[in-house]
Amino acid sequence: MTHRIPVQTQAYACMLGGKDRKTLFIATSGNTMRSGKIEIVQVDIPGAGLP
């Protein structure tokens, strides 16, 4: 592990994407079904390959 990315609630999945594959999409959720969201962070190193 090289970095930690703070999120507002609990993260349960993530994936790099975007045009340059430097956008990290983090799926998060809280205590209710309506509290889920996708948080987005720009990173320095792009993803490689396909999921």
N, C-alpha and C. Protein backbone atom coordinates (compact mmCIF):
# COMPACT_ATOMS: atom_id res chain seq x y z
N MET A 1 0.85 -1.16 0.00
CA MET A 1 0.00 0.00 0.00
C MET A 1 0.90 1.24 0.00
N THR A 2 0.61 2.17 -0.90
CA THR A 2 1.42 3.38 -0.98
C THR A 2 0.65 4.64 -0.58
N HIS A 3 -0.68 4.61 -0.71
CA HIS A 3 -1.49 5.78 -0.38
C HIS A 3 -2.81 5.35 0.25
N ARG A 4 -3.39 6.24 1.02
CA ARG A 4 -4.74 6.07 1.55
C ARG A 4 -5.56 7.24 1.05
N ILE A 5 -6.76 6.96 0.57
CA ILE A 5 -7.65 8.00 0.07
C ILE A 5 -8.84 8.09 1.00
N PRO A 6 -9.01 9.21 1.67
CA PRO A 6 -10.15 9.35 2.58
C PRO A 6 -11.46 9.44 1.82
N VAL A 7 -12.49 8.76 2.33
CA VAL A 7 -13.83 8.84 1.75
C VAL A 7 -14.80 9.24 2.86
N GLN A 8 -16.00 9.68 2.47
CA GLN A 8 -16.95 10.18 3.44
C GLN A 8 -17.62 9.07 4.26
N THR A 9 -17.80 7.89 3.67
CA THR A 9 -18.42 6.77 4.39
C THR A 9 -17.54 5.54 4.23
N GLN A 10 -18.09 4.37 4.00
CA GLN A 10 -17.30 3.14 3.86
C GLN A 10 -17.15 2.77 2.39
N ALA A 11 -15.92 2.55 1.96
CA ALA A 11 -15.65 2.12 0.59
C ALA A 11 -15.77 0.61 0.49
N TYR A 12 -16.38 0.11 -0.62
CA TYR A 12 -16.47 -1.34 -0.80
C TYR A 12 -16.02 -1.79 -2.17
N ALA A 13 -15.76 -0.89 -3.11
CA ALA A 13 -15.25 -1.27 -4.43
C ALA A 13 -14.62 -0.04 -5.08
N CYS A 14 -13.64 -0.27 -5.96
CA CYS A 14 -13.05 0.84 -6.68
C CYS A 14 -12.54 0.36 -8.04
N MET A 15 -12.36 1.33 -8.95
CA MET A 15 -11.89 1.01 -10.30
C MET A 15 -11.31 2.26 -10.93
N LEU A 16 -10.20 2.09 -11.66
CA LEU A 16 -9.63 3.20 -12.42
C LEU A 16 -10.29 3.28 -13.78
N GLY A 17 -10.58 4.48 -14.23
CA GLY A 17 -11.22 4.66 -15.52
C GLY A 17 -10.98 6.07 -16.04
N GLY A 18 -11.87 6.52 -16.90
CA GLY A 18 -11.73 7.82 -17.52
C GLY A 18 -10.91 7.73 -18.78
N LYS A 19 -10.82 8.83 -19.48
CA LYS A 19 -10.13 8.84 -20.77
C LYS A 19 -8.66 8.45 -20.64
N ASP A 20 -8.00 8.94 -19.60
CA ASP A 20 -6.57 8.64 -19.41
C ASP A 20 -6.33 7.57 -18.34
N ARG A 21 -7.40 6.96 -17.83
CA ARG A 21 -7.36 5.91 -16.80
C ARG A 21 -6.71 6.38 -15.50
N LYS A 22 -6.83 7.70 -15.22
CA LYS A 22 -6.31 8.27 -13.99
C LYS A 22 -7.43 8.75 -13.07
N THR A 23 -8.65 8.33 -13.33
CA THR A 23 -9.78 8.68 -12.48
C THR A 23 -10.15 7.45 -11.66
N LEU A 24 -10.07 7.59 -10.35
CA LEU A 24 -10.42 6.49 -9.45
C LEU A 24 -11.86 6.67 -9.01
N PHE A 25 -12.71 5.70 -9.34
CA PHE A 25 -14.11 5.70 -8.94
C PHE A 25 -14.23 4.78 -7.72
N ILE A 26 -14.73 5.32 -6.62
CA ILE A 26 -14.84 4.56 -5.38
C ILE A 26 -16.31 4.45 -4.99
N ALA A 27 -16.82 3.23 -4.92
CA ALA A 27 -18.20 3.00 -4.49
C ALA A 27 -18.23 2.98 -2.97
N THR A 28 -19.07 3.84 -2.38
CA THR A 28 -19.17 3.94 -0.93
C THR A 28 -20.62 3.82 -0.49
N SER A 29 -20.80 3.47 0.78
CA SER A 29 -22.16 3.42 1.33
C SER A 29 -22.11 3.70 2.82
N GLY A 30 -23.25 4.14 3.32
CA GLY A 30 -23.38 4.40 4.75
C GLY A 30 -24.32 3.39 5.38
N ASN A 31 -25.14 3.86 6.31
CA ASN A 31 -26.02 2.96 7.04
C ASN A 31 -27.36 2.71 6.36
N THR A 32 -27.72 3.51 5.35
CA THR A 32 -29.01 3.33 4.69
C THR A 32 -28.80 3.03 3.22
N MET A 33 -29.83 2.49 2.57
CA MET A 33 -29.73 2.16 1.14
C MET A 33 -29.54 3.41 0.29
N ARG A 34 -30.06 4.55 0.72
CA ARG A 34 -29.96 5.78 -0.07
C ARG A 34 -28.68 6.57 0.17
N SER A 35 -27.81 6.06 1.00
CA SER A 35 -26.58 6.80 1.30
C SER A 35 -25.42 6.39 0.39
N GLY A 36 -25.63 5.44 -0.51
CA GLY A 36 -24.57 5.00 -1.41
C GLY A 36 -24.26 6.04 -2.46
N LYS A 37 -22.98 6.11 -2.86
CA LYS A 37 -22.58 7.03 -3.91
C LYS A 37 -21.25 6.60 -4.51
N ILE A 38 -20.87 7.26 -5.59
CA ILE A 38 -19.58 7.06 -6.22
C ILE A 38 -18.74 8.30 -5.95
N GLU A 39 -17.64 8.13 -5.27
CA GLU A 39 -16.72 9.23 -5.02
C GLU A 39 -15.61 9.15 -6.07
N ILE A 40 -15.15 10.30 -6.55
CA ILE A 40 -14.19 10.35 -7.66
C ILE A 40 -12.94 11.10 -7.22
N VAL A 41 -11.77 10.51 -7.53
CA VAL A 41 -10.48 11.09 -7.18
C VAL A 41 -9.56 10.97 -8.39
N GLN A 42 -8.80 12.02 -8.69
CA GLN A 42 -7.80 11.96 -9.74
C GLN A 42 -6.50 11.43 -9.13
N VAL A 43 -5.84 10.49 -9.82
CA VAL A 43 -4.60 9.89 -9.34
C VAL A 43 -3.47 10.18 -10.31
N ASP A 44 -2.23 9.95 -9.87
CA ASP A 44 -1.06 10.26 -10.70
C ASP A 44 -0.71 9.16 -11.69
N ILE A 45 -0.94 7.91 -11.31
CA ILE A 45 -0.52 6.77 -12.14
C ILE A 45 -1.74 6.11 -12.76
N PRO A 46 -1.78 5.95 -14.08
CA PRO A 46 -2.96 5.36 -14.74
C PRO A 46 -3.06 3.87 -14.51
N GLY A 47 -4.27 3.36 -14.69
CA GLY A 47 -4.52 1.93 -14.62
C GLY A 47 -3.94 1.24 -15.84
N ALA A 48 -3.68 -0.06 -15.72
CA ALA A 48 -3.15 -0.84 -16.84
C ALA A 48 -4.07 -2.01 -17.10
N GLY A 49 -4.34 -2.29 -18.35
CA GLY A 49 -5.19 -3.42 -18.70
C GLY A 49 -6.65 -3.14 -18.45
N LEU A 50 -7.44 -4.19 -18.56
CA LEU A 50 -8.88 -4.09 -18.32
C LEU A 50 -9.25 -4.91 -17.10
N PRO A 51 -10.34 -4.51 -16.41
CA PRO A 51 -10.71 -5.27 -15.22
C PRO A 51 -11.18 -6.68 -15.54
